[in-house]
Amino acid sequence: MYRVLLAEDELLVRLGLKNSIDWQKYGMQVVADVPNGEEAWSAYEKFRPEVVITDLRMPIMGGIELLTKIRGVSPHTRLLILTCLEEFELAKQAMSLGVSGYVVKQSMTAEEMEEILARLRGELDAAFPDSSPKAFATRTDMEVLKENLIKDYLFLSKYSDEEFARRAKELELNLSPRNLTVCAMEIGSFERLREKFKDDNGQLIRLSLMNVLNEVIHIYGRCEAFHDLENRYAILYSHPEATGEKEAEETLFRMTAHLRRVMNTYFNVPVTFGISGKQNVFQGLKRQYYESLEALERSFAEGIGRDYVWGRGLLSVLPAGSRDRLHRLADAWATANEKYSTEFAGNIADFLNRDQYRSRPEALKAFMQWLHAPVLALRLAGEEMTALCSTYAQRLSGAKTLDDMVSLLETYAADTLDLLAARQRKSGPITRALRYIESRYTEDLSLQQVADSVSMNANYFSTLFKKEMKQNFVDYLLQYRVERARELFLNTSLKAYEIGERVGFVNTSHFSRAFKKVCGMSPREYRKQWDGGAEEDDRPEHDL
């Protein structure tokens, strides 16, 4: 593999070059990417790369000085310059140093870079006809080995404490047991990054963010970072040179503030940090990791874009503004049904008294119950309402904070009340028919029975029902039963087949098919998604 050094002070340009090109296709590996000429020269002396790609204007040491120093020790290194249109005179000066080409950054394309790299590969192969540079352990390779060591120790218990310390020394892990802290960094608005990078599998995002993390954290101490979950990274921070705990902590907070600025400036996303307690031994790392996640959970109720330290500043009472917004959710239903509004207010009071707002899973379960409750209480079952519930259920599942959930339920209430206003224009016979269905839905109801209950001809009733309810009687009855089933899934621990029987399905296979038709998922999938993955009944799925 031919070794490549990237020197470019614009972070996004440098990361774009490093991560968007298939370097192996050209027999190349990026051994270092640096933001200035001084670091580039140090990297050049360390790795002796065959290819150097550099900007001309950089801090500390410019591109011309860097190229001159490289040419002073190697006439064979292939040089490629990155330039802006206004740097033409500098580009001409660089050309006199024997560069292989230049690329204008404003108009640079992937196709252009691939064409240049293919040409460079040809030049390199011609310069080394009898042998090619051997593959070697690059900095990226070492980072993978270090990350695997940390993850194997934290999550798989693959190493004892002593073995981990020994392997950390062998791999030159940039970490000390003194003033050791774990920081969990969670990225908000992650979809914004997906759109920016056009990266569905997340590989380019992960590589780019790891580059940013490594570039910043090493300024502040002996640190290592790794990718944890899709939008979460972990930083192992140590500061052995600190004169005391206060200095170590102040430096840590400067690091998180720096990372927050960088992430906002370059990627326009907020980041939240959960910070563990401090230890002076590696043996506490596993516990510290979970402390950082526990601290991070506080962002659900208290807000994103902040630092949360484990065991410090715990929220005792929900802020008055958030509490008032929750109470207003009940008030919104007063015009539609005073009794339901009062019941809803009681549910919110219970939610607050039990501190369910502290835990996202607990809050999500409560909000899902509140989402479905008005469907039955206000006689809103039907195709349109089912679609509305499904839309908001998906939005709730993606909500990251309590305030986000409250905002969604506020708009849901407005949409539902608009639908209710249209439904309240129903005729007397249809209103009585709906009440009859609600009282007998567990029975083997027929269209004729319901028509008889309102003293109407079955054919005429069927036409009137479809006109006012925007669906036929059979579909409405099926959806009403499924809504009742969803309510039982959210509020009881009954097994799926028991719920099916309670809402009028004598055949459990029919219940499963009907439920999936209305909800888009099986009863088991529904309970797993909205009820914290509770254990399902002992019958196989196809029997449900």
Protein backbone atom coordinates (compact mmCIF):
# COMPACT_ATOMS: atom_id res chain seq x y z
CA MET A 1 0.00 0.00 0.00
CA TYR A 2 1.22 3.51 -0.82
CA ARG A 3 1.01 5.85 2.17
CA VAL A 4 -0.91 9.14 1.89
CA LEU A 5 -0.63 12.24 4.09
CA LEU A 6 -3.47 14.82 4.04
CA ALA A 7 -2.75 18.38 5.22
CA GLU A 8 -5.75 20.75 5.13
CA ASP A 9 -6.92 23.24 7.77
CA GLU A 10 -10.59 23.16 6.68
CA LEU A 11 -12.03 20.28 8.69
CA LEU A 12 -14.87 19.31 6.35
CA VAL A 13 -12.61 19.36 3.28
CA ARG A 14 -10.07 17.15 5.04
CA LEU A 15 -12.66 14.70 6.34
CA GLY A 16 -14.41 14.62 2.98
CA LEU A 17 -11.18 13.67 1.22
CA LYS A 18 -10.28 11.06 3.81
CA ASN A 19 -13.64 9.34 4.11
CA SER A 20 -15.33 9.65 0.73
CA ILE A 21 -12.59 8.09 -1.41
CA ASP A 22 -12.00 4.36 -1.73
CA TRP A 23 -8.23 4.61 -1.20
CA GLN A 24 -7.67 0.86 -1.39
CA LYS A 25 -8.94 0.94 -4.95
CA TYR A 26 -5.74 2.83 -5.81
CA GLY A 27 -3.50 0.79 -3.53
CA MET A 28 -3.30 3.63 -1.00
CA GLN A 29 -3.87 4.21 2.71
CA VAL A 30 -4.28 7.53 4.52
CA VAL A 31 -1.75 7.30 7.35
CA ALA A 32 -2.37 10.77 8.79
CA ASP A 33 -4.65 13.79 8.29
CA VAL A 34 -3.57 17.04 9.95
CA PRO A 35 -4.73 20.69 10.11
CA ASN A 36 -1.44 22.55 9.61
CA GLY A 37 1.99 22.36 7.99
CA GLU A 38 3.92 21.83 11.23
CA GLU A 39 1.95 18.70 12.12
CA ALA A 40 2.19 17.60 8.48
CA TRP A 41 5.99 17.76 8.61
CA SER A 42 6.04 15.72 11.85
CA ALA A 43 3.74 13.15 10.26
CA TYR A 44 5.91 13.08 7.14
CA GLU A 45 9.03 12.35 9.17
CA LYS A 46 7.22 9.59 11.06
CA PHE A 47 5.47 7.79 8.17
CA ARG A 48 7.53 8.81 5.08
CA PRO A 49 4.42 8.71 2.83
CA GLU A 50 4.73 8.28 -0.92
CA VAL A 51 1.87 10.79 -1.53
CA VAL A 52 1.29 14.16 0.15
CA ILE A 53 -1.90 16.11 -0.53
CA THR A 54 -1.73 19.58 0.97
CA ASP A 55 -3.44 22.93 1.10
CA LEU A 56 -1.25 25.96 0.36
CA ARG A 57 -2.55 28.35 3.02
CA MET A 58 -2.42 26.76 6.50
CA PRO A 59 -1.64 28.05 10.00
CA ILE A 60 1.76 27.68 11.71
CA MET A 61 3.49 26.39 8.56
CA GLY A 62 2.15 27.01 5.05
CA GLY A 63 2.01 24.58 2.16
CA ILE A 64 4.98 26.07 0.24
CA GLU A 65 7.30 25.69 3.24
CA LEU A 66 6.06 22.14 3.79
CA LEU A 67 6.62 21.18 0.15
CA THR A 68 10.09 22.76 0.18
CA LYS A 69 11.10 20.73 3.27
CA ILE A 70 9.75 17.51 1.72
CA ARG A 71 11.58 18.12 -1.54
CA GLY A 72 14.74 18.74 0.46
CA VAL A 73 14.72 15.11 1.67
CA SER A 74 12.83 13.27 -1.08
CA PRO A 75 12.68 13.91 -4.83
CA HIS A 76 10.34 10.93 -5.32
CA THR A 77 7.37 11.83 -3.08
CA ARG A 78 4.29 12.59 -5.18
CA LEU A 79 2.86 16.01 -4.25
CA LEU A 80 -0.68 17.17 -4.92
CA ILE A 81 -1.83 20.64 -3.91
CA LEU A 82 -5.27 21.90 -2.95
CA THR A 83 -5.78 25.53 -3.85
CA CYS A 84 -8.35 28.29 -4.17
CA LEU A 85 -8.84 30.36 -7.32
CA GLU A 86 -7.26 33.43 -5.72
CA GLU A 87 -4.07 31.51 -4.85
CA PHE A 88 -2.82 31.24 -8.44
CA GLU A 89 0.59 32.84 -7.72
CA LEU A 90 1.18 30.41 -4.85
CA ALA A 91 0.13 27.53 -7.10
CA LYS A 92 2.70 28.57 -9.72
CA GLN A 93 5.38 28.66 -7.01
CA ALA A 94 4.34 25.18 -5.86
CA MET A 95 4.53 23.83 -9.42
CA SER A 96 8.23 24.74 -9.51
CA LEU A 97 8.74 22.22 -6.68
CA GLY A 98 7.71 19.36 -8.92
CA VAL A 99 4.14 18.74 -7.84
CA SER A 100 2.12 16.16 -9.73
CA GLY A 101 -0.92 18.39 -10.02
CA TYR A 102 -3.31 20.73 -8.29
CA VAL A 103 -7.02 20.72 -7.50
CA VAL A 104 -9.20 23.81 -7.13
CA LYS A 105 -11.20 23.26 -3.95
CA GLN A 106 -14.25 25.23 -5.07
CA SER A 107 -14.81 22.95 -8.07
CA MET A 108 -13.28 19.68 -6.83
CA THR A 109 -15.34 16.57 -7.67
CA ALA A 110 -15.00 12.91 -6.75
CA GLU A 111 -14.48 12.05 -10.41
CA GLU A 112 -11.61 14.52 -10.69
CA MET A 113 -9.91 13.14 -7.59
CA GLU A 114 -10.30 9.56 -8.81
CA GLU A 115 -8.71 10.48 -12.16
CA ILE A 116 -5.75 12.14 -10.41
CA LEU A 117 -5.26 9.25 -7.98
CA ALA A 118 -5.30 6.74 -10.83
CA ARG A 119 -2.56 8.76 -12.54
CA LEU A 120 -0.55 9.01 -9.32
CA ARG A 121 -0.82 5.25 -8.86
CA GLY A 122 0.65 4.79 -12.34
CA GLU A 123 3.54 7.12 -11.54
CA LEU A 124 4.25 5.31 -8.28
CA ASP A 125 4.18 1.88 -9.89
CA ALA A 126 6.63 3.12 -12.54
CA ALA A 127 8.92 4.51 -9.85
CA PHE A 128 8.91 1.17 -7.98
CA PRO A 129 8.90 -1.44 -10.79
CA ASP A 130 10.49 -4.26 -8.81
CA SER A 131 8.66 -3.91 -5.51
CA SER A 132 5.70 -2.16 -4.02
CA PRO A 133 5.54 -0.74 -0.50
CA LYS A 134 4.28 -3.32 1.95
CA ALA A 135 1.09 -2.96 3.89
CA PHE A 136 1.65 -1.80 7.45
CA ALA A 137 -0.30 -0.95 10.58
CA THR A 138 -1.64 2.56 9.98
CA ARG A 139 -2.96 4.89 12.64
CA THR A 140 -6.47 3.80 11.60
CA ASP A 141 -5.52 0.15 12.17
CA MET A 142 -4.26 1.00 15.64
CA GLU A 143 -7.44 2.91 16.43
CA VAL A 144 -9.49 -0.18 15.52
CA LEU A 145 -7.35 -2.38 17.76
CA LYS A 146 -7.67 0.08 20.64
CA GLU A 147 -11.44 0.41 20.20
CA ASN A 148 -11.85 -3.37 20.12
CA LEU A 149 -9.79 -3.70 23.30
CA ILE A 150 -11.95 -1.16 25.14
CA LYS A 151 -15.25 -2.65 23.93
CA ASP A 152 -14.16 -6.22 24.67
CA TYR A 153 -13.24 -5.17 28.20
CA LEU A 154 -16.36 -3.09 28.87
CA PHE A 155 -19.06 -5.20 27.22
CA LEU A 156 -17.78 -8.76 26.74
CA SER A 157 -15.63 -9.20 29.87
CA LYS A 158 -13.05 -10.69 27.53
CA TYR A 159 -10.16 -9.40 29.65
CA SER A 160 -9.53 -9.33 33.36
CA ASP A 161 -8.53 -6.02 34.91
CA GLU A 162 -4.88 -7.08 34.84
CA GLU A 163 -5.05 -8.28 31.23
CA PHE A 164 -6.70 -5.05 30.13
CA ALA A 165 -3.97 -2.97 31.78
CA ARG A 166 -1.31 -5.10 30.10
CA ARG A 167 -2.95 -4.92 26.64
CA ALA A 168 -3.49 -1.18 27.06
CA LYS A 169 0.23 -0.75 27.61
CA GLU A 170 1.10 -2.95 24.62
CA LEU A 171 -1.16 -0.95 22.30
CA GLU A 172 0.03 2.34 23.80
CA LEU A 173 -3.50 3.28 24.81
CA ASN A 174 -3.49 7.04 25.35
CA LEU A 175 -5.05 6.69 28.79
CA SER A 176 -4.03 6.86 32.43
CA PRO A 177 -5.89 5.51 35.48
CA ARG A 178 -5.38 8.86 37.24
CA ASN A 179 -8.33 11.27 37.23
CA LEU A 180 -10.24 8.84 35.01
CA THR A 181 -13.76 9.73 33.80
CA VAL A 182 -16.15 8.34 31.18
CA CYS A 183 -18.20 10.76 29.08
CA ALA A 184 -21.13 9.59 26.95
CA MET A 185 -21.71 12.03 24.08
CA GLU A 186 -25.15 11.88 22.45
CA ILE A 187 -25.79 13.70 19.17
CA GLY A 188 -29.16 15.38 18.70
CA SER A 189 -30.89 15.89 15.33
CA PHE A 190 -29.02 12.89 13.96
CA GLU A 191 -31.20 12.79 10.83
CA ARG A 192 -29.74 16.17 9.92
CA LEU A 193 -26.32 14.51 9.74
CA ARG A 194 -27.70 11.74 7.54
CA GLU A 195 -29.02 14.31 5.10
CA LYS A 196 -25.79 16.32 5.19
CA PHE A 197 -23.57 13.33 4.49
CA LYS A 198 -26.09 11.39 2.36
CA ASP A 199 -24.92 8.36 4.31
CA ASP A 200 -27.63 5.78 5.00
CA ASN A 201 -25.35 3.16 6.54
CA GLY A 202 -23.59 5.69 8.80
CA GLN A 203 -20.02 4.70 7.89
CA LEU A 204 -18.97 8.14 6.61
CA ILE A 205 -20.63 9.88 9.57
CA ARG A 206 -18.91 7.62 12.07
CA LEU A 207 -15.47 8.07 10.51
CA SER A 208 -15.91 11.84 10.31
CA LEU A 209 -17.08 12.21 13.90
CA MET A 210 -14.30 9.98 15.21
CA ASN A 211 -11.80 12.20 13.40
CA VAL A 212 -13.31 15.28 15.05
CA LEU A 213 -13.33 13.65 18.48
CA ASN A 214 -9.72 12.51 18.26
CA GLU A 215 -8.60 15.90 17.02
CA VAL A 216 -10.17 17.72 19.97
CA ILE A 217 -9.89 15.39 22.97
CA HIS A 218 -6.13 14.92 22.81
CA ILE A 219 -5.70 18.65 23.44
CA TYR A 220 -7.13 18.26 26.94
CA GLY A 221 -5.62 15.11 28.37
CA ARG A 222 -4.85 11.48 27.76
CA CYS A 223 -8.06 10.30 26.14
CA GLU A 224 -9.54 7.57 23.95
CA ALA A 225 -12.91 7.59 22.18
CA PHE A 226 -15.08 4.96 20.54
CA HIS A 227 -18.40 4.72 18.70
CA ASP A 228 -21.04 3.29 21.02
CA LEU A 229 -24.46 3.45 19.33
CA GLU A 230 -25.75 5.12 16.17
CA ASN A 231 -25.81 8.62 17.66
CA ARG A 232 -23.71 8.04 20.78
CA TYR A 233 -19.94 8.08 21.35
CA ALA A 234 -17.96 7.41 24.51
CA ILE A 235 -14.86 9.28 25.64
CA LEU A 236 -12.47 7.85 28.23
CA TYR A 237 -10.88 10.96 29.73
CA SER A 238 -7.87 11.05 32.04
CA HIS A 239 -5.70 13.94 33.19
CA PRO A 240 -2.70 12.58 35.11
CA GLU A 241 -0.87 15.92 34.92
CA ALA A 242 -3.58 17.82 36.80
CA THR A 243 -2.49 19.17 40.17
CA GLY A 244 -5.83 18.31 41.73
CA GLU A 245 -9.39 17.13 41.10
CA LYS A 246 -10.63 20.67 40.49
CA GLU A 247 -8.14 21.28 37.68
CA ALA A 248 -8.98 17.91 36.08
CA GLU A 249 -12.70 18.70 36.18
CA GLU A 250 -12.30 22.23 34.80
CA THR A 251 -10.25 20.85 31.90
CA LEU A 252 -12.91 18.21 31.25
CA PHE A 253 -15.63 20.86 31.02
CA ARG A 254 -13.46 22.93 28.65
CA MET A 255 -13.21 19.83 26.46
CA THR A 256 -16.97 19.23 26.37
CA ALA A 257 -17.57 22.93 25.60
CA HIS A 258 -15.00 22.76 22.77
CA LEU A 259 -16.64 19.65 21.32
CA ARG A 260 -20.06 21.28 21.55
CA ARG A 261 -18.82 24.33 19.60
CA VAL A 262 -17.14 22.18 16.94
CA MET A 263 -20.21 19.98 16.46
CA ASN A 264 -22.46 23.03 16.19
CA THR A 265 -20.11 24.92 13.85
CA TYR A 266 -19.27 22.12 11.43
CA PHE A 267 -22.33 19.87 11.64
CA ASN A 268 -25.10 22.10 13.05
CA VAL A 269 -26.17 19.51 15.65
CA PRO A 270 -26.46 19.77 19.45
CA VAL A 271 -24.56 17.35 21.69
CA THR A 272 -25.27 16.28 25.26
CA PHE A 273 -22.75 14.77 27.67
CA GLY A 274 -23.35 12.31 30.48
CA ILE A 275 -20.30 12.35 32.79
CA SER A 276 -19.42 9.60 35.24
CA GLY A 277 -17.83 9.89 38.64
CA LYS A 278 -14.03 10.01 38.87
CA GLN A 279 -11.74 7.06 39.61
CA ASN A 280 -7.99 6.48 39.82
CA VAL A 281 -8.00 2.83 38.69
CA PHE A 282 -8.96 1.07 35.46
CA GLN A 283 -11.06 -1.43 37.42
CA GLY A 284 -13.86 1.10 37.75
CA LEU A 285 -14.29 1.70 33.99
CA LYS A 286 -17.28 -0.61 33.55
CA ARG A 287 -19.21 1.03 36.37
CA GLN A 288 -18.19 4.48 35.14
CA TYR A 289 -19.54 3.70 31.66
CA TYR A 290 -22.99 2.93 33.07
CA GLU A 291 -22.81 5.97 35.34
CA SER A 292 -22.29 8.13 32.23
CA LEU A 293 -25.39 6.61 30.60
CA GLU A 294 -27.41 7.12 33.76
CA ALA A 295 -26.36 10.78 33.83
CA LEU A 296 -27.24 11.13 30.14
CA GLU A 297 -30.81 9.93 30.80
CA ARG A 298 -31.48 13.17 32.67
CA SER A 299 -31.49 15.05 29.35
CA PHE A 300 -34.92 13.55 28.59
CA ALA A 301 -36.64 15.69 31.24
CA GLU A 302 -34.09 18.49 31.66
CA GLY A 303 -33.13 19.19 28.03
CA ILE A 304 -30.37 18.45 25.52
CA GLY A 305 -27.14 20.35 24.79
CA ARG A 306 -25.84 20.30 28.37
CA ASP A 307 -23.41 18.46 30.66
CA TYR A 308 -24.92 16.08 33.23
CA VAL A 309 -22.66 14.75 35.98
CA TRP A 310 -23.57 11.49 37.65
CA GLY A 311 -24.74 11.92 41.24
CA ARG A 312 -24.80 15.71 41.00
CA GLY A 313 -27.66 18.19 40.55
CA LEU A 314 -30.45 15.63 40.19
CA LEU A 315 -33.82 17.07 39.15
CA SER A 316 -36.05 17.03 42.22
CA VAL A 317 -39.16 18.62 40.73
CA LEU A 318 -40.11 19.06 37.10
CA PRO A 319 -39.74 22.74 36.11
CA ALA A 320 -42.95 24.75 36.41
CA GLY A 321 -43.08 25.46 32.68
CA SER A 322 -43.01 21.78 31.74
CA ARG A 323 -45.48 20.92 34.50
CA ASP A 324 -47.92 23.59 33.27
CA ARG A 325 -47.70 22.34 29.68
CA LEU A 326 -48.58 18.83 30.86
CA HIS A 327 -51.62 20.06 32.77
CA ARG A 328 -52.78 22.03 29.73
CA LEU A 329 -52.93 18.77 27.78
CA ALA A 330 -55.94 17.82 29.91
CA ASP A 331 -57.49 21.28 29.59
CA ALA A 332 -57.44 20.98 25.80
CA TRP A 333 -60.12 18.26 25.95
CA ALA A 334 -62.52 20.19 28.20
CA THR A 335 -64.54 21.62 25.31
CA ALA A 336 -65.04 18.16 23.84
CA ASN A 337 -65.83 16.16 26.99
CA GLU A 338 -65.56 17.53 30.52
CA LYS A 339 -65.58 14.08 32.09
CA TYR A 340 -62.73 12.87 29.88
CA SER A 341 -60.76 16.05 30.58
CA THR A 342 -61.07 15.47 34.33
CA GLU A 343 -59.94 11.84 33.99
CA PHE A 344 -57.00 12.94 31.86
CA ALA A 345 -55.98 15.52 34.49
CA GLY A 346 -55.94 12.73 37.08
CA ASN A 347 -53.71 10.61 34.85
CA ILE A 348 -51.25 13.48 34.43
CA ALA A 349 -51.19 14.12 38.19
CA ASP A 350 -50.41 10.43 38.74
CA PHE A 351 -47.69 10.61 36.07
CA LEU A 352 -46.05 13.52 37.88
CA ASN A 353 -46.45 12.10 41.38
CA ARG A 354 -44.80 8.83 40.34
CA ASP A 355 -41.91 10.70 38.66
CA GLN A 356 -42.50 8.85 35.39
CA TYR A 357 -41.15 11.89 33.52
CA ARG A 358 -37.61 10.97 34.60
CA SER A 359 -37.52 7.84 32.42
CA ARG A 360 -38.07 7.97 28.68
CA PRO A 361 -39.50 4.39 28.47
CA GLU A 362 -41.95 5.11 31.29
CA ALA A 363 -42.96 8.44 29.76
CA LEU A 364 -43.38 6.90 26.30
CA LYS A 365 -45.68 4.23 27.69
CA ALA A 366 -47.84 6.90 29.41
CA PHE A 367 -47.97 9.11 26.31
CA MET A 368 -48.98 6.14 24.17
CA GLN A 369 -51.88 5.49 26.54
CA TRP A 370 -52.91 9.15 26.31
CA LEU A 371 -52.65 8.96 22.53
CA HIS A 372 -55.18 6.14 22.24
CA ALA A 373 -57.49 7.06 25.12
CA PRO A 374 -59.60 9.71 23.28
CA VAL A 375 -60.31 7.33 20.39
CA LEU A 376 -62.64 5.31 22.57
CA ALA A 377 -63.68 7.93 25.11
CA LEU A 378 -64.86 10.34 22.39
CA ARG A 379 -66.19 7.71 19.94
CA LEU A 380 -63.59 8.45 17.29
CA ALA A 381 -62.75 4.91 16.13
CA GLY A 382 -62.42 4.69 12.38
CA GLU A 383 -60.00 4.63 9.49
CA GLU A 384 -59.09 8.33 9.64
CA MET A 385 -58.47 8.25 13.39
CA THR A 386 -56.44 5.04 13.13
CA ALA A 387 -54.17 6.70 10.55
CA LEU A 388 -53.83 9.78 12.78
CA CYS A 389 -52.90 7.65 15.80
CA SER A 390 -50.33 5.67 13.82
CA THR A 391 -48.68 8.84 12.54
CA TYR A 392 -48.34 10.36 15.99
CA ALA A 393 -47.27 7.03 17.55
CA GLN A 394 -44.30 6.92 15.19
CA ARG A 395 -43.43 10.54 15.97
CA LEU A 396 -43.62 9.87 19.69
CA SER A 397 -41.29 6.89 19.34
CA GLY A 398 -38.67 9.22 17.84
CA ALA A 399 -39.07 12.01 20.41
CA LYS A 400 -35.89 12.57 22.42
CA THR A 401 -37.17 14.81 25.22
CA LEU A 402 -40.24 15.22 27.40
CA ASP A 403 -40.92 18.63 25.85
CA ASP A 404 -40.88 17.03 22.39
CA MET A 405 -43.51 14.51 23.53
CA VAL A 406 -45.67 17.24 25.03
CA SER A 407 -45.48 19.27 21.80
CA LEU A 408 -46.57 16.25 19.78
CA LEU A 409 -49.54 15.57 22.05
CA GLU A 410 -50.55 19.24 21.84
CA THR A 411 -50.76 19.12 18.04
CA TYR A 412 -52.40 15.69 18.21
CA ALA A 413 -55.13 17.09 20.46
CA ALA A 414 -55.77 19.94 17.98
CA ASP A 415 -55.98 17.52 15.03
CA THR A 416 -58.25 15.17 16.97
CA LEU A 417 -60.61 17.94 18.06
CA ASP A 418 -60.91 19.05 14.42
CA LEU A 419 -61.88 15.50 13.51
CA LEU A 420 -64.32 15.36 16.43
CA ALA A 421 -65.99 18.57 15.31
CA ALA A 422 -66.68 16.99 11.93
CA ARG A 423 -67.92 13.77 13.57
CA GLN A 424 -70.33 15.65 15.86
CA ARG A 425 -72.44 16.50 12.85
CA LYS A 426 -73.63 12.86 12.79
CA SER A 427 -77.35 12.18 12.66
CA GLY A 428 -79.29 10.83 15.64
CA PRO A 429 -79.59 7.26 14.29
CA ILE A 430 -75.84 6.94 13.67
CA THR A 431 -75.02 8.36 17.11
CA ARG A 432 -77.35 5.78 18.73
CA ALA A 433 -75.86 3.04 16.56
CA LEU A 434 -72.34 3.89 17.73
CA ARG A 435 -73.46 3.65 21.35
CA TYR A 436 -75.03 0.28 20.63
CA ILE A 437 -71.77 -0.95 19.04
CA GLU A 438 -69.77 0.25 22.06
CA SER A 439 -72.02 -1.71 24.42
CA ARG A 440 -72.11 -4.93 22.32
CA TYR A 441 -68.79 -4.99 20.41
CA THR A 442 -67.67 -8.20 22.17
CA GLU A 443 -70.68 -10.06 20.74
CA ASP A 444 -71.14 -11.51 17.25
CA LEU A 445 -72.68 -8.27 15.96
CA SER A 446 -74.28 -8.05 12.53
CA LEU A 447 -75.33 -5.09 10.43
CA GLN A 448 -78.97 -6.22 10.78
CA GLN A 449 -78.78 -6.21 14.59
CA VAL A 450 -77.42 -2.67 14.70
CA ALA A 451 -79.94 -1.45 12.11
CA ASP A 452 -82.76 -3.00 14.17
CA SER A 453 -81.45 -1.22 17.30
CA VAL A 454 -82.16 2.15 15.63
CA SER A 455 -85.35 0.95 13.85
CA MET A 456 -83.98 1.33 10.34
CA ASN A 457 -83.94 -0.75 7.18
CA ALA A 458 -80.56 -2.55 6.97
CA ASN A 459 -79.76 -1.36 3.43
CA TYR A 460 -80.65 2.24 4.18
CA PHE A 461 -78.72 2.12 7.48
CA SER A 462 -75.68 0.73 5.68
CA THR A 463 -75.74 3.59 3.15
CA LEU A 464 -76.22 6.23 5.87
CA PHE A 465 -73.47 4.74 8.05
CA LYS A 466 -70.93 4.77 5.23
CA LYS A 467 -71.86 8.32 4.25
CA GLU A 468 -71.39 9.72 7.76
CA MET A 469 -68.54 7.52 9.02
CA LYS A 470 -66.59 7.42 5.73
CA GLN A 471 -66.32 3.60 5.97
CA ASN A 472 -68.63 0.62 6.05
CA PHE A 473 -70.02 -1.01 9.18
CA VAL A 474 -67.79 -4.12 9.05
CA ASP A 475 -64.56 -2.10 8.83
CA TYR A 476 -65.66 0.24 11.59
CA LEU A 477 -66.48 -2.65 13.93
CA LEU A 478 -63.13 -4.29 13.21
CA GLN A 479 -61.23 -1.05 13.89
CA TYR A 480 -63.19 -0.40 17.07
CA ARG A 481 -62.30 -3.85 18.38
CA VAL A 482 -58.65 -3.34 17.50
CA GLU A 483 -58.65 0.05 19.27
CA ARG A 484 -60.01 -1.68 22.37
CA ALA A 485 -57.26 -4.29 22.00
CA ARG A 486 -54.59 -1.60 21.76
CA GLU A 487 -55.95 -0.05 24.95
CA LEU A 488 -55.65 -3.40 26.74
CA PHE A 489 -52.10 -3.92 25.45
CA LEU A 490 -51.09 -0.55 26.87
CA ASN A 491 -52.90 -0.88 30.21
CA THR A 492 -52.81 -4.59 31.13
CA SER A 493 -50.44 -7.54 31.09
CA LEU A 494 -53.02 -9.86 29.49
CA LYS A 495 -51.72 -12.25 26.86
CA ALA A 496 -52.53 -11.53 23.23
CA TYR A 497 -55.02 -14.37 22.82
CA GLU A 498 -56.82 -13.27 26.02
CA ILE A 499 -57.10 -9.74 24.67
CA GLY A 500 -58.41 -11.06 21.36
CA GLU A 501 -61.16 -12.96 23.16
CA ARG A 502 -62.07 -9.93 25.30
CA VAL A 503 -62.62 -7.66 22.30
CA GLY A 504 -64.80 -10.07 20.36
CA PHE A 505 -62.46 -12.24 18.27
CA VAL A 506 -63.30 -15.90 18.85
CA ASN A 507 -60.53 -16.98 16.46
CA THR A 508 -57.02 -15.90 17.54
CA SER A 509 -55.65 -16.16 14.00
CA HIS A 510 -58.37 -13.78 12.84
CA PHE A 511 -57.44 -11.40 15.66
CA SER A 512 -53.78 -11.40 14.63
CA ARG A 513 -54.62 -10.75 10.95
CA ALA A 514 -57.12 -8.01 11.80
CA PHE A 515 -54.71 -6.34 14.22
CA LYS A 516 -51.93 -6.34 11.66
CA LYS A 517 -54.26 -4.99 8.99
CA VAL A 518 -55.22 -2.01 11.16
CA CYS A 519 -51.91 -1.35 12.98
CA GLY A 520 -49.38 -2.53 10.42
CA MET A 521 -47.79 -4.92 12.94
CA SER A 522 -48.69 -8.10 14.81
CA PRO A 523 -49.95 -8.04 18.42
CA ARG A 524 -46.55 -9.29 19.62
CA GLU A 525 -44.68 -6.60 17.69
CA TYR A 526 -47.05 -3.94 19.02
CA ARG A 527 -46.54 -4.90 22.63
CA LYS A 528 -42.77 -5.11 22.17
CA GLN A 529 -42.64 -1.67 20.56
CA TRP A 530 -44.88 0.26 22.90
CA ASP A 531 -44.79 -1.65 26.15
CA GLY A 532 -41.07 -1.94 26.75
CA GLY A 533 -40.66 -5.34 25.11
CA ALA A 534 -42.78 -7.21 27.66
CA GLU A 535 -42.76 -10.98 27.40
CA GLU A 536 -45.45 -12.23 25.08
CA ASP A 537 -47.69 -15.22 25.57
CA ASP A 538 -46.58 -18.79 25.09
CA ARG A 539 -48.49 -19.36 21.88
CA PRO A 540 -46.61 -19.20 18.58
CA GLU A 541 -47.13 -16.03 16.52
CA HIS A 542 -49.02 -17.78 13.72
CA ASP A 543 -51.61 -18.95 16.24
CA LEU A 544 -52.30 -15.45 17.43
